[in-house]
Amino acid sequence: MPDETPMPPLSESRSVYLRFKRVFGDASATVRPNARKNRAPAGESVPYGLGRDPKGISSVMDALTNDLGWSGSLAKSDLMLAWREIAGDETAEHSHPTEITDSVLSVQCDSTAWATQLRLMRSMIMTRIANEYPEAGIQSIRFLAPDAPSWKRGSRSIPGRGPRDTYG
């Protein structure tokens, strides 16, 4: 004969829990529907999970420069450094880029003849810049000839209009 010891009466909370367990099933025994989606495919590192594998430094730096808005400035500096490849060796010996202001590249030339020659090559240079450095945003190029000497400053100049102001 089995030992029939009376079971203590169930508390209301315990009885509700057991009833829900019968109706809805045991939570530890069932498989959650999203559990299979979160598994890492074969070949990926499991400790990091999906999308957490280490990335190359170049992709991290590209994302950083894009997020901070540096891509345009970096493209402009790359353009300035690559002037020899853009213009050619002989042309680069007689010209150098000085600044980029309001999407205009200023190039200082050794002589007016070189400035004229580069003005004739403007479309070829602009095409190379647009193809190789689109992030720089260069819209036009200004070729500067060497400045002519000015006699408006110095030890013997005077302020104002000079002798013309007495004639009139």
Protein backbone atom coordinates (compact mmCIF):
# COMPACT_ATOMS: atom_id res chain seq x y z
CA MET A 1 0.00 0.00 0.00
CA PRO A 2 1.40 3.28 -0.97
CA ASP A 3 2.09 5.81 1.66
CA GLU A 4 -0.69 8.28 1.54
CA THR A 5 0.44 11.39 3.23
CA PRO A 6 -1.88 14.32 2.77
CA MET A 7 -0.49 17.10 0.53
CA PRO A 8 -0.55 20.56 1.96
CA PRO A 9 -3.15 22.82 0.39
CA LEU A 10 -1.82 24.90 -2.54
CA SER A 11 -1.59 28.63 -2.19
CA GLU A 12 -3.58 30.64 -4.67
CA SER A 13 -0.46 31.94 -6.45
CA ARG A 14 0.94 28.41 -6.77
CA SER A 15 -2.30 27.09 -8.15
CA VAL A 16 -2.47 29.90 -10.73
CA TYR A 17 1.13 29.18 -11.74
CA LEU A 18 0.47 25.47 -12.20
CA ARG A 19 -2.69 26.17 -14.18
CA PHE A 20 -0.85 28.55 -16.54
CA LYS A 21 1.93 26.01 -16.89
CA ARG A 22 -0.61 23.39 -18.00
CA VAL A 23 -2.41 25.76 -20.37
CA PHE A 24 0.54 27.56 -21.97
CA GLY A 25 3.23 24.94 -21.50
CA ASP A 26 6.56 25.02 -19.73
CA ALA A 27 8.64 28.03 -20.82
CA SER A 28 11.92 26.18 -20.41
CA ALA A 29 10.74 23.28 -22.59
CA THR A 30 9.57 25.31 -25.59
CA VAL A 31 11.81 26.76 -28.30
CA ARG A 32 11.49 30.47 -28.78
CA PRO A 33 10.75 31.41 -32.41
CA ASN A 34 13.53 34.07 -32.54
CA ALA A 35 16.20 31.76 -31.10
CA ARG A 36 17.04 30.28 -34.49
CA LYS A 37 17.34 33.70 -36.16
CA ASN A 38 20.02 34.89 -33.76
CA ARG A 39 22.34 31.96 -34.35
CA ALA A 40 25.53 32.80 -36.21
CA PRO A 41 26.00 31.08 -39.55
CA ALA A 42 28.87 28.65 -39.87
CA GLY A 43 32.19 30.39 -40.34
CA GLU A 44 31.46 33.50 -38.28
CA SER A 45 32.88 33.99 -34.85
CA VAL A 46 30.22 33.00 -32.35
CA PRO A 47 31.45 35.07 -29.37
CA TYR A 48 30.83 38.27 -31.26
CA GLY A 49 27.57 37.30 -32.94
CA LEU A 50 26.20 38.64 -36.19
CA GLY A 51 27.87 41.79 -37.52
CA ARG A 52 30.43 41.89 -34.73
CA ASP A 53 33.42 40.41 -36.52
CA PRO A 54 36.51 42.61 -36.62
CA LYS A 55 36.71 44.96 -39.59
CA GLY A 56 39.71 46.25 -41.49
CA ILE A 57 41.19 49.58 -40.46
CA SER A 58 40.44 51.11 -43.86
CA SER A 59 36.70 50.46 -43.56
CA VAL A 60 36.70 51.81 -40.00
CA MET A 61 38.57 54.97 -41.08
CA ASP A 62 36.27 55.46 -44.09
CA ALA A 63 33.22 55.23 -41.84
CA LEU A 64 34.79 57.64 -39.35
CA THR A 65 35.71 60.25 -41.96
CA ASN A 66 32.23 60.04 -43.51
CA ASP A 67 30.52 60.36 -40.13
CA LEU A 68 32.62 63.37 -39.15
CA GLY A 69 32.35 65.03 -42.57
CA TRP A 70 36.07 64.91 -43.31
CA SER A 71 35.89 63.16 -46.66
CA GLY A 72 35.77 66.43 -48.63
CA SER A 73 38.72 67.96 -46.77
CA LEU A 74 40.77 64.81 -47.12
CA ALA A 75 39.99 64.60 -50.84
CA LYS A 76 41.13 68.23 -51.25
CA SER A 77 44.43 67.54 -49.50
CA ASP A 78 44.93 64.38 -51.59
CA LEU A 79 44.31 66.48 -54.70
CA MET A 80 46.93 69.03 -53.65
CA LEU A 81 49.48 66.28 -52.97
CA ALA A 82 48.78 64.50 -56.28
CA TRP A 83 49.24 67.57 -58.50
CA ARG A 84 52.26 65.98 -60.22
CA GLU A 85 50.18 62.95 -61.31
CA ILE A 86 47.27 65.13 -62.42
CA ALA A 87 49.16 67.75 -64.43
CA GLY A 88 52.21 65.75 -65.50
CA ASP A 89 55.85 65.95 -64.47
CA GLU A 90 56.98 68.83 -66.67
CA THR A 91 53.92 70.94 -65.97
CA ALA A 92 54.18 70.30 -62.22
CA GLU A 93 57.75 71.61 -62.24
CA HIS A 94 56.44 75.01 -63.35
CA SER A 95 53.21 75.16 -61.34
CA HIS A 96 51.88 74.22 -57.93
CA PRO A 97 48.42 74.41 -56.33
CA THR A 98 48.17 77.06 -53.65
CA GLU A 99 44.63 76.86 -52.24
CA ILE A 100 41.07 75.70 -52.72
CA THR A 101 38.51 78.37 -51.94
CA ASP A 102 34.79 78.10 -52.68
CA SER A 103 35.36 75.03 -54.89
CA VAL A 104 37.95 76.90 -57.00
CA LEU A 105 41.46 75.45 -57.21
CA SER A 106 44.13 78.16 -57.47
CA VAL A 107 47.36 77.17 -59.21
CA GLN A 108 50.43 79.42 -59.13
CA CYS A 109 52.53 79.29 -62.31
CA ASP A 110 56.19 80.25 -62.84
CA SER A 111 55.48 82.49 -65.83
CA THR A 112 52.63 83.91 -67.86
CA ALA A 113 53.50 81.44 -70.63
CA TRP A 114 52.93 78.49 -68.27
CA ALA A 115 49.71 80.05 -66.99
CA THR A 116 48.49 80.37 -70.59
CA GLN A 117 49.49 76.79 -71.39
CA LEU A 118 47.62 75.49 -68.33
CA ARG A 119 44.55 77.52 -69.27
CA LEU A 120 44.56 75.64 -72.59
CA MET A 121 44.80 72.35 -70.66
CA ARG A 122 42.00 73.33 -68.25
CA SER A 123 39.37 70.88 -69.57
CA MET A 124 41.77 67.92 -69.45
CA ILE A 125 42.84 68.76 -65.89
CA MET A 126 39.24 69.32 -64.74
CA THR A 127 38.21 65.96 -66.21
CA ARG A 128 40.97 64.14 -64.33
CA ILE A 129 40.09 65.92 -61.09
CA ALA A 130 36.38 65.14 -61.49
CA ASN A 131 37.11 61.46 -62.17
CA GLU A 132 39.78 60.86 -59.53
CA TYR A 133 38.71 63.27 -56.75
CA PRO A 134 34.93 63.78 -56.94
CA GLU A 135 34.65 64.32 -53.16
CA ALA A 136 36.86 67.42 -53.41
CA GLY A 137 34.03 69.32 -55.11
CA ILE A 138 36.25 71.34 -57.47
CA GLN A 139 34.11 73.36 -59.90
CA SER A 140 36.81 75.40 -61.67
CA ILE A 141 40.53 76.13 -61.75
CA ARG A 142 42.22 79.54 -61.63
CA PHE A 143 45.74 79.73 -63.03
CA LEU A 144 47.76 82.60 -61.57
CA ALA A 145 50.67 84.19 -63.38
CA PRO A 146 53.48 85.73 -61.37
CA ASP A 147 52.57 89.17 -60.10
CA ALA A 148 54.14 92.24 -61.67
CA PRO A 149 56.15 94.40 -59.30
CA SER A 150 54.26 97.17 -57.54
CA TRP A 151 55.72 100.55 -56.74
CA LYS A 152 52.84 101.57 -54.47
CA ARG A 153 54.69 100.41 -51.36
CA GLY A 154 58.17 101.11 -50.17
CA SER A 155 60.29 103.79 -48.53
CA ARG A 156 59.62 106.48 -51.19
CA SER A 157 55.85 106.10 -51.62
CA ILE A 158 53.34 108.47 -50.11
CA PRO A 159 49.78 107.76 -49.04
CA GLY A 160 46.87 109.16 -51.01
CA ARG A 161 46.47 109.90 -54.69
CA GLY A 162 49.76 111.67 -55.06
CA PRO A 163 50.27 114.68 -57.39
CA ARG A 164 46.95 114.16 -59.15
CA ASP A 165 44.99 115.56 -56.23
CA THR A 166 46.27 119.09 -56.86
CA TYR A 167 44.90 119.30 -60.40
CA GLY A 168 41.39 119.25 -59.83
